[in-house]
Amino acid sequence: MATIRSPDVGELDQRISLLAFRPLRRCGCCRDSEGWEWTEYRKIWAKAAPTGGFAAYTGSGVRGRETEFILRRQSVTLHDAIMWNGKFYLPTAIVPLGRGYLTVKAALVTLRPCKGEERETGRQIRFDAVCVEKLQEHEQQGPMARNTVRLALVTPAEVKLRLGSLVTVGDDPAPWWVKVCHELEEDRHETEIERIVEP
């Protein structure tokens, strides 16, 4: 069995940022809204290498292109994120490498800004989510037809949306309805949103 060696210091030649999911700073004009954002808490040197494979970052198997980062041992967890070369990565596995290093496998994902309005209370929240298409369904009813589109929003566990809440995704002002909330993982949730569109 081959032994995986620790890297030489010179191999840690990529500058990456470690990010944490933190509450938005409130200003006087935003009293009725709250939310979260990814905030850089440390810049470090790492060795980065795309593996050519895919990594699943949710229990339902949603995947992104995998990159392996080797960095000095420190407090980084699956709740964190990595920014490298302007791209956003969600860690999927963290394994010690020798005595002084960590191997972090992470999935490349794209974040979309979202805004939610909670059903009944009207409470508004802002957050970033990974948006994945789940379903497109066409239904013909007499002379009329309709298309149902369903997306999944993958977010840190702090983001909780009640069923029936409204969500807007990105620059699209048309709302989506929260249909199903999957809270099966400790660090990430998957929320299914749906809307009906004219064909």
N, C-alpha and C. Protein backbone atom coordinates (compact mmCIF):
# COMPACT_ATOMS: atom_id res chain seq x y z
N MET A 1 0.84 -1.19 0.00
CA MET A 1 0.00 0.00 0.00
C MET A 1 0.88 1.25 0.00
N ALA A 2 0.62 2.16 -0.93
CA ALA A 2 1.44 3.37 -1.06
C ALA A 2 1.15 4.33 0.08
N THR A 3 2.22 4.96 0.56
CA THR A 3 2.07 5.96 1.61
C THR A 3 1.91 7.33 0.97
N ILE A 4 0.91 8.09 1.40
CA ILE A 4 0.71 9.44 0.88
C ILE A 4 1.60 10.37 1.69
N ARG A 5 2.52 11.04 0.98
CA ARG A 5 3.48 11.89 1.68
C ARG A 5 2.92 13.28 1.92
N SER A 6 3.43 13.91 2.96
CA SER A 6 3.09 15.30 3.22
C SER A 6 3.77 16.17 2.18
N PRO A 7 3.17 17.30 1.82
CA PRO A 7 3.77 18.14 0.79
C PRO A 7 4.98 18.91 1.31
N ASP A 8 5.86 19.30 0.38
CA ASP A 8 6.92 20.24 0.73
C ASP A 8 6.28 21.61 0.87
N VAL A 9 6.88 22.48 1.68
CA VAL A 9 6.31 23.81 1.91
C VAL A 9 6.13 24.56 0.59
N GLY A 10 7.06 24.42 -0.34
CA GLY A 10 6.97 25.12 -1.62
C GLY A 10 5.80 24.69 -2.47
N GLU A 11 5.21 23.51 -2.18
CA GLU A 11 4.06 23.05 -2.95
C GLU A 11 2.77 23.77 -2.56
N LEU A 12 2.76 24.39 -1.39
CA LEU A 12 1.58 25.15 -0.98
C LEU A 12 1.67 26.53 -1.63
N ASP A 13 1.36 26.57 -2.92
CA ASP A 13 1.61 27.78 -3.71
C ASP A 13 0.34 28.49 -4.18
N GLN A 14 -0.82 28.05 -3.69
CA GLN A 14 -2.08 28.68 -4.08
C GLN A 14 -2.68 29.42 -2.88
N ARG A 15 -3.08 30.66 -3.11
CA ARG A 15 -3.68 31.46 -2.04
C ARG A 15 -5.18 31.19 -2.05
N ILE A 16 -5.72 30.69 -0.94
CA ILE A 16 -7.16 30.43 -0.84
C ILE A 16 -7.73 31.17 0.36
N SER A 17 -9.03 31.37 0.35
CA SER A 17 -9.73 32.00 1.48
C SER A 17 -10.64 30.97 2.13
N LEU A 18 -10.64 30.93 3.45
CA LEU A 18 -11.59 30.12 4.20
C LEU A 18 -12.76 31.02 4.59
N LEU A 19 -13.98 30.52 4.37
CA LEU A 19 -15.19 31.31 4.61
C LEU A 19 -16.08 30.65 5.65
N ALA A 20 -16.75 31.47 6.42
CA ALA A 20 -17.75 30.99 7.39
C ALA A 20 -19.09 31.62 7.05
N PHE A 21 -20.16 30.91 7.37
CA PHE A 21 -21.52 31.38 7.12
C PHE A 21 -21.98 32.14 8.36
N ARG A 22 -22.10 33.47 8.24
CA ARG A 22 -22.37 34.29 9.42
C ARG A 22 -23.59 35.18 9.20
N PRO A 23 -24.22 35.62 10.30
CA PRO A 23 -25.37 36.53 10.16
C PRO A 23 -24.96 37.84 9.49
N LEU A 24 -25.87 38.38 8.68
CA LEU A 24 -25.63 39.69 8.06
C LEU A 24 -25.54 40.75 9.13
N ARG A 25 -24.70 41.75 8.89
CA ARG A 25 -24.68 42.89 9.79
C ARG A 25 -25.89 43.74 9.50
N ARG A 26 -26.64 44.08 10.52
CA ARG A 26 -27.87 44.86 10.33
C ARG A 26 -27.57 46.35 10.30
N CYS A 27 -28.31 47.03 9.45
CA CYS A 27 -28.23 48.49 9.45
C CYS A 27 -29.62 49.02 9.83
N GLY A 28 -29.73 50.30 10.08
CA GLY A 28 -30.99 50.88 10.53
C GLY A 28 -32.12 50.69 9.55
N CYS A 29 -31.82 50.58 8.25
CA CYS A 29 -32.88 50.47 7.24
C CYS A 29 -33.39 49.04 7.09
N CYS A 30 -32.75 48.05 7.72
CA CYS A 30 -33.11 46.64 7.50
C CYS A 30 -33.63 45.97 8.75
N ARG A 31 -34.35 46.70 9.59
CA ARG A 31 -34.79 46.15 10.86
C ARG A 31 -35.68 44.92 10.71
N ASP A 32 -36.48 44.88 9.63
CA ASP A 32 -37.43 43.78 9.49
C ASP A 32 -36.86 42.59 8.72
N SER A 33 -35.60 42.66 8.32
CA SER A 33 -35.04 41.54 7.59
C SER A 33 -33.81 41.01 8.30
N GLU A 34 -33.48 39.78 8.00
CA GLU A 34 -32.28 39.18 8.54
C GLU A 34 -31.71 38.27 7.48
N GLY A 35 -30.59 37.69 7.76
CA GLY A 35 -30.01 36.81 6.77
C GLY A 35 -28.61 36.40 7.13
N TRP A 36 -27.98 35.74 6.16
CA TRP A 36 -26.65 35.21 6.36
C TRP A 36 -25.83 35.46 5.10
N GLU A 37 -24.50 35.47 5.28
CA GLU A 37 -23.60 35.62 4.14
C GLU A 37 -22.32 34.85 4.42
N TRP A 38 -21.64 34.47 3.33
CA TRP A 38 -20.34 33.83 3.46
C TRP A 38 -19.30 34.93 3.65
N THR A 39 -18.52 34.84 4.73
CA THR A 39 -17.55 35.86 5.09
C THR A 39 -16.16 35.23 5.25
N GLU A 40 -15.17 35.85 4.65
CA GLU A 40 -13.80 35.36 4.78
C GLU A 40 -13.31 35.55 6.20
N TYR A 41 -12.72 34.49 6.78
CA TYR A 41 -12.15 34.64 8.11
C TYR A 41 -10.64 34.36 8.14
N ARG A 42 -10.10 33.81 7.04
CA ARG A 42 -8.66 33.57 7.00
C ARG A 42 -8.20 33.35 5.56
N LYS A 43 -7.02 33.90 5.25
CA LYS A 43 -6.36 33.60 3.97
C LYS A 43 -5.17 32.69 4.27
N ILE A 44 -5.00 31.63 3.47
CA ILE A 44 -3.91 30.69 3.72
C ILE A 44 -3.30 30.24 2.39
N TRP A 45 -2.15 29.57 2.51
CA TRP A 45 -1.52 28.95 1.35
C TRP A 45 -1.92 27.48 1.33
N ALA A 46 -2.16 26.95 0.13
CA ALA A 46 -2.57 25.55 -0.02
C ALA A 46 -2.06 25.00 -1.34
N LYS A 47 -2.07 23.71 -1.43
CA LYS A 47 -1.84 23.03 -2.72
C LYS A 47 -3.23 22.67 -3.23
N ALA A 48 -3.53 23.00 -4.48
CA ALA A 48 -4.87 22.75 -5.03
C ALA A 48 -4.74 21.95 -6.32
N ALA A 49 -5.55 20.90 -6.43
CA ALA A 49 -5.49 20.07 -7.64
C ALA A 49 -6.88 19.52 -7.95
N PRO A 50 -7.48 19.90 -9.09
CA PRO A 50 -8.74 19.27 -9.51
C PRO A 50 -8.50 17.77 -9.72
N THR A 51 -9.44 16.94 -9.26
CA THR A 51 -9.25 15.49 -9.35
C THR A 51 -9.79 14.91 -10.66
N GLY A 52 -10.63 15.67 -11.37
CA GLY A 52 -11.26 15.13 -12.58
C GLY A 52 -12.55 14.39 -12.28
N GLY A 53 -12.87 14.21 -10.99
CA GLY A 53 -14.10 13.52 -10.61
C GLY A 53 -15.15 14.49 -10.10
N PHE A 54 -16.20 13.91 -9.51
CA PHE A 54 -17.28 14.70 -8.93
C PHE A 54 -17.42 14.34 -7.46
N ALA A 55 -17.84 15.31 -6.65
CA ALA A 55 -18.06 15.09 -5.22
C ALA A 55 -19.49 15.43 -4.88
N ALA A 56 -20.16 14.55 -4.13
CA ALA A 56 -21.54 14.81 -3.67
C ALA A 56 -21.47 15.67 -2.42
N TYR A 57 -22.23 16.77 -2.41
CA TYR A 57 -22.21 17.65 -1.24
C TYR A 57 -23.55 17.70 -0.53
N THR A 58 -24.50 16.84 -0.92
CA THR A 58 -25.74 16.68 -0.14
C THR A 58 -26.08 15.20 -0.07
N GLY A 59 -26.92 14.86 0.90
CA GLY A 59 -27.33 13.47 1.06
C GLY A 59 -28.12 12.94 -0.13
N SER A 60 -28.73 13.83 -0.92
CA SER A 60 -29.52 13.39 -2.06
C SER A 60 -28.65 13.21 -3.31
N GLY A 61 -27.32 13.41 -3.15
CA GLY A 61 -26.42 13.12 -4.26
C GLY A 61 -26.14 14.27 -5.20
N VAL A 62 -26.50 15.50 -4.84
CA VAL A 62 -26.18 16.64 -5.68
C VAL A 62 -24.65 16.78 -5.71
N ARG A 63 -24.09 16.93 -6.93
CA ARG A 63 -22.64 16.85 -7.06
C ARG A 63 -22.06 18.07 -7.77
N GLY A 64 -20.76 18.28 -7.54
CA GLY A 64 -20.01 19.31 -8.23
C GLY A 64 -18.62 18.78 -8.56
N ARG A 65 -17.93 19.42 -9.48
CA ARG A 65 -16.57 19.00 -9.82
C ARG A 65 -15.67 19.08 -8.60
N GLU A 66 -14.86 18.03 -8.39
CA GLU A 66 -14.08 17.92 -7.16
C GLU A 66 -12.68 18.50 -7.33
N THR A 67 -12.22 19.21 -6.28
CA THR A 67 -10.85 19.68 -6.17
C THR A 67 -10.33 19.25 -4.80
N GLU A 68 -9.06 18.86 -4.77
CA GLU A 68 -8.43 18.46 -3.51
C GLU A 68 -7.48 19.57 -3.08
N PHE A 69 -7.66 20.03 -1.85
CA PHE A 69 -6.80 21.06 -1.28
C PHE A 69 -5.98 20.44 -0.15
N ILE A 70 -4.69 20.71 -0.13
CA ILE A 70 -3.84 20.30 0.99
C ILE A 70 -3.39 21.58 1.70
N LEU A 71 -3.62 21.63 3.00
CA LEU A 71 -3.28 22.83 3.77
C LEU A 71 -2.74 22.43 5.13
N ARG A 72 -2.08 23.39 5.77
CA ARG A 72 -1.58 23.12 7.12
C ARG A 72 -2.74 22.84 8.06
N ARG A 73 -2.50 21.96 9.02
CA ARG A 73 -3.57 21.58 9.95
C ARG A 73 -4.05 22.80 10.73
N GLN A 74 -5.37 22.97 10.77
CA GLN A 74 -6.00 24.10 11.45
C GLN A 74 -7.47 23.79 11.64
N SER A 75 -8.21 24.70 12.24
CA SER A 75 -9.62 24.46 12.51
C SER A 75 -10.46 24.82 11.28
N VAL A 76 -10.65 23.86 10.40
CA VAL A 76 -11.55 24.00 9.26
C VAL A 76 -12.52 22.83 9.31
N THR A 77 -13.80 23.07 9.04
CA THR A 77 -14.82 22.03 9.16
C THR A 77 -15.67 21.97 7.89
N LEU A 78 -16.58 21.00 7.85
CA LEU A 78 -17.51 20.87 6.73
C LEU A 78 -18.53 22.01 6.70
N HIS A 79 -18.61 22.80 7.77
CA HIS A 79 -19.50 23.97 7.80
C HIS A 79 -18.90 25.16 7.06
N ASP A 80 -17.60 25.10 6.79
CA ASP A 80 -16.91 26.20 6.13
C ASP A 80 -17.01 26.07 4.61
N ALA A 81 -16.41 27.04 3.92
CA ALA A 81 -16.32 27.00 2.46
C ALA A 81 -14.96 27.53 2.06
N ILE A 82 -14.59 27.32 0.80
CA ILE A 82 -13.29 27.74 0.28
C ILE A 82 -13.53 28.58 -0.97
N MET A 83 -12.78 29.68 -1.08
CA MET A 83 -12.77 30.49 -2.29
C MET A 83 -11.37 30.38 -2.89
N TRP A 84 -11.31 29.95 -4.16
CA TRP A 84 -10.02 29.80 -4.85
C TRP A 84 -10.17 30.28 -6.28
N ASN A 85 -9.33 31.19 -6.69
CA ASN A 85 -9.36 31.76 -8.05
C ASN A 85 -10.75 32.29 -8.41
N GLY A 86 -11.41 32.91 -7.43
CA GLY A 86 -12.73 33.50 -7.68
C GLY A 86 -13.86 32.49 -7.74
N LYS A 87 -13.59 31.22 -7.40
CA LYS A 87 -14.62 30.18 -7.44
C LYS A 87 -14.89 29.66 -6.04
N PHE A 88 -16.12 29.17 -5.85
CA PHE A 88 -16.63 28.81 -4.52
C PHE A 88 -16.70 27.28 -4.40
N TYR A 89 -16.17 26.75 -3.30
CA TYR A 89 -16.12 25.30 -3.08
C TYR A 89 -16.73 24.95 -1.72
N LEU A 90 -17.52 23.87 -1.69
CA LEU A 90 -18.06 23.34 -0.43
C LEU A 90 -17.29 22.07 -0.07
N PRO A 91 -16.65 22.02 1.10
CA PRO A 91 -15.93 20.81 1.51
C PRO A 91 -16.86 19.61 1.67
N THR A 92 -16.38 18.45 1.23
CA THR A 92 -17.15 17.21 1.37
C THR A 92 -16.44 16.20 2.27
N ALA A 93 -15.13 16.35 2.45
CA ALA A 93 -14.37 15.45 3.32
C ALA A 93 -13.10 16.16 3.77
N ILE A 94 -12.73 15.96 5.05
CA ILE A 94 -11.51 16.53 5.61
C ILE A 94 -10.78 15.40 6.33
N VAL A 95 -9.53 15.12 5.87
CA VAL A 95 -8.78 13.98 6.40
C VAL A 95 -7.38 14.45 6.79
N PRO A 96 -6.89 14.07 7.99
CA PRO A 96 -5.52 14.42 8.37
C PRO A 96 -4.51 13.81 7.39
N LEU A 97 -3.44 14.53 7.11
CA LEU A 97 -2.37 14.06 6.25
C LEU A 97 -1.06 14.26 7.01
N GLY A 98 -0.49 13.18 7.49
CA GLY A 98 0.70 13.30 8.32
C GLY A 98 0.36 14.03 9.62
N ARG A 99 1.39 14.64 10.20
CA ARG A 99 1.17 15.32 11.49
C ARG A 99 0.79 16.77 11.34
N GLY A 100 1.10 17.39 10.21
CA GLY A 100 0.90 18.82 10.14
C GLY A 100 -0.01 19.32 9.04
N TYR A 101 -0.70 18.42 8.34
CA TYR A 101 -1.49 18.85 7.18
C TYR A 101 -2.88 18.22 7.18
N LEU A 102 -3.75 18.79 6.35
CA LEU A 102 -5.10 18.26 6.10
C LEU A 102 -5.30 18.15 4.60
N THR A 103 -6.03 17.12 4.21
CA THR A 103 -6.51 17.02 2.83
C THR A 103 -8.00 17.35 2.87
N VAL A 104 -8.39 18.36 2.10
CA VAL A 104 -9.79 18.78 2.05
C VAL A 104 -10.30 18.54 0.64
N LYS A 105 -11.27 17.64 0.49
CA LYS A 105 -11.92 17.44 -0.80
C LYS A 105 -13.15 18.33 -0.83
N ALA A 106 -13.34 19.04 -1.97
CA ALA A 106 -14.42 20.02 -2.03
C ALA A 106 -15.06 20.02 -3.41
N ALA A 107 -16.35 20.36 -3.45
CA ALA A 107 -17.12 20.41 -4.69
C ALA A 107 -17.23 21.85 -5.17
N LEU A 108 -16.95 22.07 -6.44
CA LEU A 108 -17.11 23.39 -7.06
C LEU A 108 -18.60 23.64 -7.29
N VAL A 109 -19.11 24.75 -6.76
CA VAL A 109 -20.54 25.07 -6.89
C VAL A 109 -20.69 26.55 -7.25
N THR A 110 -21.89 26.91 -7.68
CA THR A 110 -22.22 28.30 -7.98
C THR A 110 -23.28 28.77 -7.01
N LEU A 111 -23.02 29.90 -6.36
CA LEU A 111 -23.98 30.47 -5.43
C LEU A 111 -24.91 31.44 -6.13
N ARG A 112 -26.19 31.46 -5.72
CA ARG A 112 -27.16 32.43 -6.22
C ARG A 112 -27.74 33.18 -5.03
N PRO A 113 -27.83 34.51 -5.12
CA PRO A 113 -28.44 35.27 -4.03
C PRO A 113 -29.94 35.00 -3.98
N CYS A 114 -30.47 34.77 -2.80
CA CYS A 114 -31.90 34.47 -2.63
C CYS A 114 -32.50 35.38 -1.56
N LYS A 115 -33.80 35.57 -1.68
CA LYS A 115 -34.54 36.33 -0.67
C LYS A 115 -35.82 35.55 -0.37
N GLY A 116 -36.06 35.29 0.89
CA GLY A 116 -37.25 34.56 1.29
C GLY A 116 -38.19 35.42 2.10
N GLU A 117 -39.49 35.19 1.92
CA GLU A 117 -40.51 35.86 2.73
C GLU A 117 -41.34 34.78 3.39
N GLU A 118 -41.28 34.74 4.71
CA GLU A 118 -41.92 33.67 5.45
C GLU A 118 -43.44 33.80 5.43
N ARG A 119 -44.09 32.68 5.21
CA ARG A 119 -45.54 32.63 5.21
C ARG A 119 -46.06 33.02 6.60
N GLU A 120 -47.13 33.74 6.65
CA GLU A 120 -47.83 34.18 7.86
C GLU A 120 -47.15 35.35 8.57
N THR A 121 -45.84 35.25 8.84
CA THR A 121 -45.19 36.33 9.60
C THR A 121 -44.69 37.45 8.69
N GLY A 122 -44.41 37.16 7.40
CA GLY A 122 -43.86 38.16 6.50
C GLY A 122 -42.38 38.44 6.75
N ARG A 123 -41.76 37.72 7.68
CA ARG A 123 -40.33 37.90 7.97
C ARG A 123 -39.51 37.66 6.71
N GLN A 124 -38.56 38.53 6.44
CA GLN A 124 -37.73 38.39 5.24
C GLN A 124 -36.32 37.96 5.62
N ILE A 125 -35.76 37.05 4.83
CA ILE A 125 -34.38 36.63 5.05
C ILE A 125 -33.63 36.65 3.72
N ARG A 126 -32.36 36.96 3.82
CA ARG A 126 -31.48 36.96 2.65
C ARG A 126 -30.39 35.92 2.87
N PHE A 127 -30.05 35.20 1.81
CA PHE A 127 -29.04 34.15 1.93
C PHE A 127 -28.56 33.78 0.53
N ASP A 128 -27.43 33.11 0.47
CA ASP A 128 -26.93 32.55 -0.78
C ASP A 128 -27.19 31.06 -0.77
N ALA A 129 -27.52 30.50 -1.94
CA ALA A 129 -27.81 29.07 -2.03
C ALA A 129 -27.23 28.51 -3.33
N VAL A 130 -26.92 27.23 -3.29
CA VAL A 130 -26.62 26.50 -4.52
C VAL A 130 -27.97 26.07 -5.08
N CYS A 131 -28.21 26.38 -6.35
CA CYS A 131 -29.52 26.14 -6.96
C CYS A 131 -29.39 25.03 -8.00
N VAL A 132 -30.19 23.97 -7.84
CA VAL A 132 -30.11 22.81 -8.72
C VAL A 132 -31.49 22.49 -9.27
N GLU A 133 -31.58 22.22 -10.57
CA GLU A 133 -32.87 21.87 -11.15
C GLU A 133 -33.25 20.45 -10.76
N LYS A 134 -34.47 20.27 -10.24
CA LYS A 134 -34.94 18.96 -9.81
C LYS A 134 -35.95 18.35 -10.76
N LEU A 135 -36.83 19.19 -11.34
CA LEU A 135 -37.95 18.63 -12.11
C LEU A 135 -38.49 19.66 -13.09
N GLN A 136 -38.84 19.18 -14.28
CA GLN A 136 -39.63 19.97 -15.21
C GLN A 136 -40.74 19.05 -15.70
N GLU A 137 -41.97 19.49 -15.55
CA GLU A 137 -43.11 18.64 -15.87
C GLU A 137 -44.11 19.43 -16.72
N HIS A 138 -44.59 18.80 -17.79
CA HIS A 138 -45.56 19.45 -18.67
C HIS A 138 -46.90 18.73 -18.51
N GLU A 139 -47.95 19.52 -18.36
CA GLU A 139 -49.29 18.95 -18.18
C GLU A 139 -50.26 19.64 -19.13
N GLN A 140 -50.96 18.83 -19.93
CA GLN A 140 -51.94 19.36 -20.88
C GLN A 140 -53.34 19.18 -20.28
N GLN A 141 -54.05 20.31 -20.11
CA GLN A 141 -55.41 20.25 -19.56
C GLN A 141 -56.34 20.93 -20.54
N GLY A 142 -56.96 20.12 -21.40
CA GLY A 142 -57.87 20.68 -22.41
C GLY A 142 -57.11 21.61 -23.33
N PRO A 143 -57.68 22.79 -23.60
CA PRO A 143 -56.98 23.71 -24.51
C PRO A 143 -55.78 24.39 -23.85
N MET A 144 -55.67 24.27 -22.52
CA MET A 144 -54.57 24.95 -21.82
C MET A 144 -53.50 23.94 -21.42
N ALA A 145 -52.29 24.43 -21.28
CA ALA A 145 -51.18 23.60 -20.81
C ALA A 145 -50.43 24.38 -19.75
N ARG A 146 -49.71 23.65 -18.90
CA ARG A 146 -48.90 24.33 -17.90
C ARG A 146 -47.63 23.52 -17.65
N ASN A 147 -46.59 24.23 -17.31
CA ASN A 147 -45.32 23.60 -16.96
C ASN A 147 -45.03 23.84 -15.48
N THR A 148 -44.64 22.78 -14.80
CA THR A 148 -44.22 22.89 -13.41
C THR A 148 -42.71 22.76 -13.37
N VAL A 149 -42.06 23.71 -12.74
CA VAL A 149 -40.60 23.69 -12.61
C VAL A 149 -40.29 23.62 -11.12
N ARG A 150 -39.39 22.72 -10.75
CA ARG A 150 -39.00 22.58 -9.35
C ARG A 150 -37.48 22.65 -9.25
N LEU A 151 -36.99 23.46 -8.31
CA LEU A 151 -35.57 23.60 -8.04
C LEU A 151 -35.28 23.15 -6.61
N ALA A 152 -34.03 22.83 -6.35
CA ALA A 152 -33.58 22.55 -4.98
C ALA A 152 -32.57 23.62 -4.60
N LEU A 153 -32.77 24.22 -3.44
CA LEU A 153 -31.82 25.17 -2.88
C LEU A 153 -31.03 24.46 -1.79
N VAL A 154 -29.71 24.38 -1.95
CA VAL A 154 -28.86 23.78 -0.94
C VAL A 154 -28.22 24.91 -0.15
N THR A 155 -28.45 24.90 1.17
CA THR A 155 -27.98 25.98 2.03
C THR A 155 -27.38 25.40 3.31
N PRO A 156 -26.58 26.19 4.02
CA PRO A 156 -26.20 25.78 5.37
C PRO A 156 -27.46 25.62 6.24
N ALA A 157 -27.32 24.84 7.31
CA ALA A 157 -28.47 24.49 8.14
C ALA A 157 -29.13 25.68 8.82
N GLU A 158 -28.43 26.81 8.91
CA GLU A 158 -29.01 27.99 9.56
C GLU A 158 -30.22 28.53 8.81
N VAL A 159 -30.28 28.29 7.49
CA VAL A 159 -31.38 28.81 6.68
C VAL A 159 -32.56 27.85 6.80
N LYS A 160 -33.65 28.34 7.38
CA LYS A 160 -34.86 27.52 7.53
C LYS A 160 -36.03 28.28 6.92
N LEU A 161 -36.72 27.66 5.99
CA LEU A 161 -37.88 28.26 5.33
C LEU A 161 -39.10 27.39 5.58
N ARG A 162 -40.19 28.00 6.05
CA ARG A 162 -41.42 27.24 6.28
C ARG A 162 -42.09 26.88 4.96
N LEU A 163 -42.83 25.79 4.98
CA LEU A 163 -43.61 25.41 3.79
C LEU A 163 -44.55 26.54 3.42
N GLY A 164 -44.67 26.80 2.13
CA GLY A 164 -45.56 27.86 1.66
C GLY A 164 -44.91 29.23 1.61
N SER A 165 -43.68 29.37 2.12
CA SER A 165 -42.99 30.65 2.03
C SER A 165 -42.64 30.95 0.58
N LEU A 166 -42.41 32.22 0.29
CA LEU A 166 -42.03 32.65 -1.05
C LEU A 166 -40.53 32.90 -1.10
N VAL A 167 -39.91 32.56 -2.25
CA VAL A 167 -38.47 32.76 -2.43
C VAL A 167 -38.24 33.33 -3.82
N THR A 168 -37.35 34.32 -3.93
CA THR A 168 -36.87 34.75 -5.24
C THR A 168 -35.41 34.33 -5.34
N VAL A 169 -35.00 33.97 -6.57
CA VAL A 169 -33.66 33.44 -6.81
C VAL A 169 -32.96 34.31 -7.84
N GLY A 170 -31.79 34.81 -7.49
CA GLY A 170 -31.01 35.63 -8.41
C GLY A 170 -31.73 36.91 -8.78
N ASP A 171 -31.61 37.31 -10.04
CA ASP A 171 -32.22 38.55 -10.52
C ASP A 171 -33.67 38.37 -10.97
N ASP A 172 -34.16 37.14 -10.95
CA ASP A 172 -35.52 36.85 -11.40
C ASP A 172 -36.52 37.28 -10.32
N PRO A 173 -37.39 38.26 -10.61
CA PRO A 173 -38.32 38.73 -9.58
C PRO A 173 -39.50 37.79 -9.34
N ALA A 174 -39.73 36.83 -10.24
CA ALA A 174 -40.89 35.92 -10.09
C ALA A 174 -40.66 35.00 -8.90
N PRO A 175 -41.67 34.87 -8.01
CA PRO A 175 -41.48 34.08 -6.79
C PRO A 175 -41.65 32.57 -7.03
N TRP A 176 -41.04 31.82 -6.14
CA TRP A 176 -41.17 30.36 -6.05
C TRP A 176 -41.82 30.04 -4.71
N TRP A 177 -42.57 28.92 -4.66
CA TRP A 177 -43.18 28.46 -3.41
C TRP A 177 -42.30 27.38 -2.79
N VAL A 178 -42.11 27.44 -1.49
CA VAL A 178 -41.39 26.38 -0.78
C VAL A 178 -42.33 25.19 -0.65
N LYS A 179 -41.94 24.05 -1.25
CA LYS A 179 -42.81 22.86 -1.27
C LYS A 179 -42.37 21.77 -0.29
N VAL A 180 -41.04 21.53 -0.20
CA VAL A 180 -40.53 20.45 0.64
C VAL A 180 -39.23 20.92 1.28
N CYS A 181 -39.07 20.63 2.57
CA CYS A 181 -37.83 20.96 3.27
C CYS A 181 -37.18 19.67 3.76
N HIS A 182 -35.95 19.42 3.31
CA HIS A 182 -35.18 18.26 3.75
C HIS A 182 -34.13 18.73 4.74
N GLU A 183 -34.27 18.32 5.99
CA GLU A 183 -33.32 18.72 7.02
C GLU A 183 -32.64 17.47 7.58
N LEU A 184 -32.11 16.64 6.68
CA LEU A 184 -31.57 15.36 7.09
C LEU A 184 -30.11 15.44 7.49
N GLU A 185 -29.41 16.49 7.06
CA GLU A 185 -27.99 16.60 7.37
C GLU A 185 -27.76 17.67 8.43
N GLU A 186 -26.73 17.46 9.21
CA GLU A 186 -26.44 18.39 10.30
C GLU A 186 -25.96 19.74 9.78
N ASP A 187 -25.17 19.74 8.70
CA ASP A 187 -24.56 20.99 8.26
C ASP A 187 -25.24 21.64 7.06
N ARG A 188 -26.04 20.88 6.28
CA ARG A 188 -26.68 21.46 5.10
C ARG A 188 -28.13 20.99 4.99
N HIS A 189 -28.97 21.89 4.47
CA HIS A 189 -30.37 21.57 4.21
C HIS A 189 -30.64 21.70 2.71
N GLU A 190 -31.65 20.98 2.27
CA GLU A 190 -32.08 21.08 0.88
C GLU A 190 -33.56 21.43 0.86
N THR A 191 -33.90 22.55 0.23
CA THR A 191 -35.27 23.03 0.19
C THR A 191 -35.75 23.01 -1.25
N GLU A 192 -36.86 22.31 -1.50
CA GLU A 192 -37.42 22.26 -2.85
C GLU A 192 -38.42 23.40 -3.03
N ILE A 193 -38.23 24.15 -4.12
CA ILE A 193 -39.13 25.26 -4.43
C ILE A 193 -39.75 25.01 -5.80
N GLU A 194 -40.95 25.54 -6.02
CA GLU A 194 -41.69 25.19 -7.24
C GLU A 194 -42.47 26.40 -7.74
N ARG A 195 -42.67 26.46 -9.05
CA ARG A 195 -43.60 27.42 -9.62
C ARG A 195 -44.15 26.86 -10.92
N ILE A 196 -45.31 27.38 -11.29
CA ILE A 196 -45.98 26.97 -12.53
C ILE A 196 -45.84 28.09 -13.54
N VAL A 197 -45.39 27.74 -14.73
CA VAL A 197 -45.16 28.75 -15.77
C VAL A 197 -45.97 28.39 -17.02
N GLU A 198 -46.34 29.42 -17.78
CA GLU A 198 -47.02 29.18 -19.04
C GLU A 198 -46.03 28.67 -20.07
N PRO A 199 -46.41 27.67 -20.89
CA PRO A 199 -45.48 27.15 -21.89
C PRO A 199 -45.27 28.15 -23.03
